Protein backbone atom coordinates (compact mmCIF):
# COMPACT_ATOMS: atom_id res chain seq x y z
CA MET A 1 30.07 13.02 53.82
CA GLY A 2 29.67 13.44 57.58
CA GLU A 3 27.74 11.44 60.13
CA ARG A 4 23.97 11.26 60.01
CA ILE A 5 22.31 13.90 62.18
CA GLU A 6 18.89 14.02 63.83
CA LEU A 7 16.77 17.18 63.63
CA ILE A 8 13.67 17.98 65.65
CA VAL A 9 11.18 19.61 63.26
CA GLY A 10 7.97 20.49 65.05
CA ASP A 11 6.74 17.27 66.60
CA ARG A 12 8.84 15.10 64.26
CA THR A 13 12.36 13.80 64.19
CA VAL A 14 13.99 13.85 60.75
CA SER A 15 17.26 12.07 60.10
CA VAL A 16 19.65 13.75 57.61
CA SER A 17 22.31 11.57 56.02
CA SER A 18 25.46 12.84 54.28
CA PRO A 19 24.98 16.38 55.63
CA ASP A 20 28.38 17.52 54.32
CA ARG A 21 27.79 16.46 50.71
CA VAL A 22 28.35 19.52 48.50
CA TYR A 23 25.16 20.24 46.59
CA PHE A 24 25.96 23.65 45.05
CA PRO A 25 29.51 24.07 43.71
CA THR A 26 29.64 27.87 43.26
CA ARG A 27 29.92 28.62 46.99
CA GLY A 28 30.18 25.06 48.26
CA GLU A 29 26.83 24.84 50.05
CA THR A 30 26.04 21.40 51.37
CA LYS A 31 22.98 19.26 51.89
CA LEU A 32 22.80 20.55 55.46
CA ASP A 33 22.96 24.13 54.19
CA LEU A 34 19.94 23.32 51.99
CA VAL A 35 18.07 21.87 54.97
CA GLU A 36 18.89 24.93 57.07
CA TYR A 37 17.72 27.21 54.26
CA TYR A 38 14.29 25.52 54.17
CA LEU A 39 14.10 25.74 57.97
CA SER A 40 14.77 29.49 57.72
CA VAL A 41 11.79 30.09 55.37
CA SER A 42 9.56 27.56 57.08
CA ASP A 43 6.19 29.32 57.00
CA GLY A 44 6.72 30.54 53.44
CA ILE A 45 7.63 27.20 51.89
CA VAL A 46 4.85 25.37 53.73
CA ARG A 47 2.31 27.99 52.64
CA ALA A 48 3.45 27.63 49.02
CA LEU A 49 3.13 23.82 49.10
CA ARG A 50 0.35 23.13 51.59
CA ASP A 51 -1.94 20.29 50.47
CA ARG A 52 -0.78 20.45 46.85
CA PRO A 53 0.34 17.38 44.89
CA CYS A 54 4.04 18.00 44.45
CA MET A 55 6.58 16.79 41.92
CA LEU A 56 10.09 16.61 43.36
CA HIS A 57 13.28 17.45 41.51
CA ARG A 58 15.87 15.32 43.27
CA PHE A 59 19.66 15.52 42.92
CA PRO A 60 21.13 12.55 44.83
CA LYS A 61 24.72 13.63 44.10
CA GLY A 62 24.15 17.39 44.19
CA VAL A 63 23.17 19.67 41.31
CA ALA A 64 26.26 18.75 39.29
CA GLY A 65 24.89 15.22 39.08
CA GLN A 66 21.82 13.65 37.55
CA LYS A 67 18.40 15.18 38.17
CA VAL A 68 15.46 12.88 38.95
CA HIS A 69 11.95 14.14 38.17
CA GLN A 70 9.86 12.29 40.72
CA LYS A 71 6.07 12.34 40.76
CA ARG A 72 5.70 9.24 42.94
CA ILE A 73 6.69 9.77 46.56
CA PRO A 74 10.11 8.21 47.28
CA ALA A 75 10.13 4.85 49.03
CA GLY A 76 10.57 4.81 52.78
CA ALA A 77 8.36 7.79 53.59
CA PRO A 78 7.46 8.02 57.28
CA PRO A 79 3.81 7.28 58.13
CA TRP A 80 3.00 10.91 58.90
CA VAL A 81 3.73 12.13 55.37
CA GLN A 82 0.50 12.85 53.46
CA THR A 83 -0.08 11.92 49.81
CA VAL A 84 -2.81 12.06 47.18
CA ASN A 85 -3.38 9.52 44.42
CA ILE A 86 -3.24 11.14 40.97
CA TYR A 87 -4.34 9.53 37.71
CA PHE A 88 -2.26 10.24 34.59
CA PRO A 89 -4.35 9.50 31.47
CA ARG A 90 -1.36 9.68 29.12
CA TYR A 91 0.29 6.77 30.89
CA GLY A 92 -2.82 4.96 32.12
CA ARG A 93 -1.55 4.73 35.67
CA THR A 94 -1.63 6.49 39.01
CA ALA A 95 0.95 7.82 41.43
CA ASP A 96 0.87 8.80 45.09
CA GLU A 97 2.31 12.33 45.17
CA LEU A 98 3.64 14.11 48.22
CA CYS A 99 1.29 16.69 49.77
CA VAL A 100 3.10 18.90 52.26
CA THR A 101 1.06 19.63 55.38
CA GLU A 102 3.88 20.58 57.77
CA LEU A 103 7.52 21.64 57.75
CA ALA A 104 8.78 18.15 58.58
CA ASP A 105 7.50 16.98 55.18
CA VAL A 106 9.72 19.55 53.46
CA ILE A 107 12.77 18.58 55.50
CA TRP A 108 12.16 14.86 54.92
CA ALA A 109 11.91 15.49 51.16
CA THR A 110 15.15 17.49 51.34
CA GLN A 111 16.78 14.58 53.15
CA MET A 112 15.66 12.48 50.15
CA SER A 113 17.80 14.81 47.97
CA THR A 114 14.98 17.09 46.82
CA VAL A 115 16.23 20.52 45.81
CA GLU A 116 13.22 21.85 43.87
CA PHE A 117 9.54 21.61 44.83
CA HIS A 118 7.07 21.83 41.94
CA PRO A 119 3.48 21.83 43.26
CA TRP A 120 0.23 21.58 41.34
CA ASN A 121 -2.05 24.61 41.24
CA SER A 122 -4.82 22.56 42.87
CA ARG A 123 -5.05 20.90 46.27
CA ARG A 124 -5.56 17.31 47.36
CA PHE A 125 -9.19 17.87 48.39
CA ASP A 126 -10.16 18.28 44.71
CA THR A 127 -7.18 17.94 42.44
CA GLU A 128 -9.22 18.71 39.31
CA LYS A 129 -10.26 22.23 40.45
CA PRO A 130 -7.30 24.65 40.57
CA ASP A 131 -7.29 27.38 43.20
CA GLU A 132 -4.21 29.12 41.79
CA TRP A 133 -3.78 30.91 38.47
CA ARG A 134 -0.16 31.22 37.41
CA ILE A 135 1.19 33.94 35.13
CA ASP A 136 4.62 32.96 33.81
CA LEU A 137 6.74 35.65 32.15
CA ASP A 138 9.24 33.51 30.28
CA PRO A 139 12.06 35.37 28.50
CA MET A 140 13.22 34.05 25.16
CA PRO A 141 17.00 33.50 24.70
CA ASP A 142 17.82 37.04 23.53
CA CYS A 143 15.43 38.79 25.90
CA SER A 144 16.91 41.26 28.38
CA PHE A 145 15.59 41.36 31.92
CA ASP A 146 14.38 44.93 31.57
CA ARG A 147 11.80 43.62 29.10
CA VAL A 148 10.60 41.14 31.70
CA GLN A 149 10.35 43.98 34.20
CA ARG A 150 8.28 46.12 31.82
CA SER A 151 6.06 43.13 31.05
CA ALA A 152 5.44 42.63 34.76
CA HIS A 153 4.18 46.20 35.02
CA VAL A 154 1.70 45.51 32.21
CA VAL A 155 0.53 42.41 34.07
CA HIS A 156 0.08 44.49 37.22
CA GLU A 157 -1.86 47.13 35.31
CA VAL A 158 -4.33 44.62 33.83
CA LEU A 159 -4.78 42.82 37.15
CA ASP A 160 -5.53 46.15 38.86
CA GLU A 161 -8.16 46.96 36.24
CA LEU A 162 -9.77 43.58 36.91
CA GLY A 163 -9.72 44.19 40.66
CA ILE A 164 -7.47 41.17 41.16
CA ARG A 165 -4.47 41.00 43.48
CA GLY A 166 -1.43 39.19 42.12
CA PHE A 167 1.61 38.06 44.06
CA PRO A 168 4.88 38.31 42.10
CA LYS A 169 8.04 36.28 42.57
CA THR A 170 11.23 35.57 40.71
CA SER A 171 11.36 32.25 38.90
CA GLY A 172 14.82 31.44 40.18
CA GLY A 173 15.96 31.85 36.59
CA ARG A 174 15.58 34.78 34.18
CA GLY A 175 11.82 35.16 34.41
CA LEU A 176 9.10 36.31 36.77
CA HIS A 177 5.92 34.62 37.98
CA VAL A 178 2.72 36.15 39.31
CA TYR A 179 0.31 33.98 41.31
CA VAL A 180 -3.36 34.70 41.89
CA ARG A 181 -5.59 32.82 44.30
CA ILE A 182 -8.85 31.89 42.55
CA VAL A 183 -12.15 30.34 43.55
CA PRO A 184 -11.80 26.57 42.87
CA GLU A 185 -14.87 26.49 40.66
CA TRP A 186 -13.39 25.73 37.24
CA GLY A 187 -11.41 22.84 35.79
CA PHE A 188 -7.98 23.10 34.21
CA THR A 189 -9.34 23.71 30.70
CA GLN A 190 -11.31 26.75 31.78
CA VAL A 191 -8.50 28.15 33.93
CA ARG A 192 -6.16 27.81 30.96
CA ARG A 193 -8.68 29.60 28.71
CA ALA A 194 -8.88 32.45 31.20
CA ALA A 195 -5.08 32.59 31.48
CA GLN A 196 -4.75 32.72 27.69
CA ALA A 197 -7.30 35.53 27.41
CA PHE A 198 -5.36 37.50 30.03
CA ALA A 199 -2.06 36.84 28.25
CA MET A 200 -3.50 38.07 24.95
CA GLU A 201 -4.59 41.33 26.60
CA VAL A 202 -1.12 41.80 28.07
CA GLU A 203 0.38 41.18 24.62
CA ARG A 204 -2.05 43.66 23.03
CA ARG A 205 -0.74 46.41 25.32
CA ASN A 206 2.93 45.87 24.46
CA PRO A 207 3.19 43.74 21.29
CA ALA A 208 6.73 44.92 20.59
CA GLU A 209 8.07 43.06 23.64
CA ILE A 210 5.43 40.50 24.65
CA THR A 211 4.19 37.44 22.79
CA THR A 212 1.64 34.67 23.19
CA THR A 213 2.75 32.89 20.01
CA TRP A 214 2.51 29.19 20.79
CA TRP A 215 5.29 27.67 18.65
CA ARG A 216 8.72 28.55 19.94
CA LYS A 217 10.20 28.69 16.44
CA ASP A 218 7.73 31.44 15.53
CA ARG A 219 8.48 33.71 18.50
CA ASP A 220 10.70 36.76 18.47
CA PRO A 221 13.88 35.52 20.25
CA ALA A 222 14.01 38.80 22.21
CA ALA A 223 10.39 38.66 23.40
CA VAL A 224 8.76 37.79 26.73
CA PHE A 225 6.46 34.80 26.30
CA VAL A 226 3.42 34.83 28.60
CA ASP A 227 3.19 31.08 29.12
CA TYR A 228 -0.48 30.48 29.87
CA ASN A 229 0.04 26.76 29.38
CA GLN A 230 1.49 26.57 32.90
CA ASN A 231 -2.15 26.29 33.96
CA THR A 232 -2.64 22.99 32.15
CA ARG A 233 -3.27 19.88 34.26
CA ASP A 234 -0.04 18.37 35.63
CA HIS A 235 2.10 21.33 34.53
CA THR A 236 4.14 22.55 37.46
CA ILE A 237 6.68 25.27 38.15
CA ALA A 238 8.95 25.93 41.10
CA ALA A 239 7.14 27.07 44.23
CA ALA A 240 7.76 30.29 46.06
CA TYR A 241 10.90 29.78 48.18
CA SER A 242 11.95 26.72 46.20
CA VAL A 243 15.67 26.52 45.57
CA ARG A 244 16.59 25.87 41.94
CA GLY A 245 18.92 23.12 40.82
CA ASN A 246 21.81 25.26 39.59
CA PRO A 247 25.34 25.79 40.92
CA GLU A 248 24.46 29.23 42.36
CA ALA A 249 21.49 27.88 44.39
CA THR A 250 19.15 30.64 43.26
CA VAL A 251 15.73 30.82 44.89
CA SER A 252 12.28 31.53 43.46
CA THR A 253 11.66 34.49 45.72
CA PRO A 254 8.51 36.50 46.50
CA ILE A 255 8.97 40.20 45.76
CA ALA A 256 6.91 43.36 46.13
CA TRP A 257 5.57 45.08 43.01
CA ALA A 258 7.54 48.17 44.01
CA GLU A 259 10.79 46.19 43.85
CA ILE A 260 10.49 45.00 40.28
CA ASP A 261 12.54 47.75 38.66
CA ASP A 262 15.41 47.31 41.10
CA ILE A 263 15.90 43.56 41.42
CA ASP A 264 18.40 41.21 39.87
CA PRO A 265 17.08 37.61 40.21
CA ARG A 266 20.64 36.34 40.57
CA ASP A 267 20.86 38.10 43.93
CA PHE A 268 18.30 35.75 45.52
CA THR A 269 20.08 32.61 46.69
CA ILE A 270 20.11 30.31 49.72
CA ALA A 271 22.94 32.51 51.00
CA THR A 272 20.88 35.75 50.89
CA VAL A 273 17.17 34.89 51.14
CA PRO A 274 17.19 33.82 54.83
CA ALA A 275 18.24 37.31 55.97
CA ARG A 276 15.69 38.89 53.60
CA TYR A 277 12.99 36.61 54.98
CA ALA A 278 13.94 37.44 58.56
CA ARG A 279 13.69 41.14 57.71
CA LEU A 280 10.56 41.19 55.53
CA GLY A 281 8.72 38.01 56.39
CA ASP A 282 6.75 36.15 53.73
CA LEU A 283 5.62 38.60 51.05
CA HIS A 284 3.04 36.00 49.99
CA ALA A 285 1.61 35.69 53.49
CA GLU A 286 -1.73 37.22 52.41
CA ILE A 287 -2.19 35.15 49.25
CA ASP A 288 -4.92 33.00 50.82
CA ASP A 289 -6.87 35.95 52.23
CA GLU A 290 -9.05 36.44 49.14
CA ALA A 291 -9.91 34.22 46.18
CA PHE A 292 -10.86 35.89 42.89
CA ARG A 293 -13.24 34.88 40.12
CA LEU A 294 -12.43 34.33 36.44
CA ASP A 295 -15.79 35.29 34.94
CA THR A 296 -14.52 38.40 33.14
CA LEU A 297 -11.53 36.58 31.69
CA LEU A 298 -13.75 33.73 30.50
CA GLU A 299 -15.98 36.30 28.80
CA TRP A 300 -12.87 37.64 27.08
CA ALA A 301 -12.01 34.10 26.01
CA ASP A 302 -15.52 33.55 24.59
CA ARG A 303 -15.34 36.82 22.67
CA ALA A 304 -11.89 36.02 21.26
CA GLU A 305 -13.05 32.59 20.10
CA LEU A 306 -16.15 34.11 18.48
CA GLU A 307 -14.04 36.72 16.66
CA GLU A 308 -11.61 34.02 15.51
CA SER A 309 -14.40 31.83 14.17
CA GLY A 310 -15.83 34.72 12.13
CA PRO A 311 -19.43 35.89 11.77
CA ASP A 312 -20.61 32.94 9.69
CA GLN A 313 -19.28 30.21 11.97
CA GLY A 314 -20.25 32.11 15.11
CA SER A 315 -23.86 32.78 14.05
């Protein structure tokens, strides 16, 4: 698998073992190719992960082998790697999760066979107050990508009317994500309520193609599900610039709104994104420039709950 190599990453030295191990069988990219990919999008991946508790999807034998979902930081972490202690009520225990603060953290995690990075939408300074609202356009099995594209335009339209700037990206699969930086004033329950109210408005504008129906068995198999539940505590999705654990090594890639009608998510891979990044830079570079409030969406949520309860119960 090749001799161990030493990389200088900022002020750190990171050792990479088995650099020639094939991780992605479609084109034969190796562990070292994965490391070099993350080095090529350095500012973007660090910005997407900075100070966020992060679940790691590790593939010790490459993506054709077993996947390990790892909340707890792998053993043997160097002393400079930052963590935050998270309590999981369902299990009655805690875990120290990785919090990326510099590029060396990403490369060390990649050395530990991490392919995918799945950060929380809150940061280590107050893990119970999200600062990121995530809009997940999740296509059902029979849904064509043009429906996802049209749904994204509806999302953009509603965000514009709210005076909110969203930052779209591919999911690395068949869907699209839109991220919004928010004021970290509300807990997960309230952020989810706001996300659901937004999703219901998006559905109202194109009910033939978009759904918020909760139970999968009840959804139109050709619809786009606006998955507001991605804003629930401890729910995570792949970060911007995260590689996905599939043979093609697709990447969850930031895109411009103007690109949506022309893209094919399969075109964004570790073989193509570095050149795109070198040409365009990080299209999410301004995501931290302004944080938005959820007051209007929470008012929508209150109104929807009042209408659902009926006049007698709501009086």
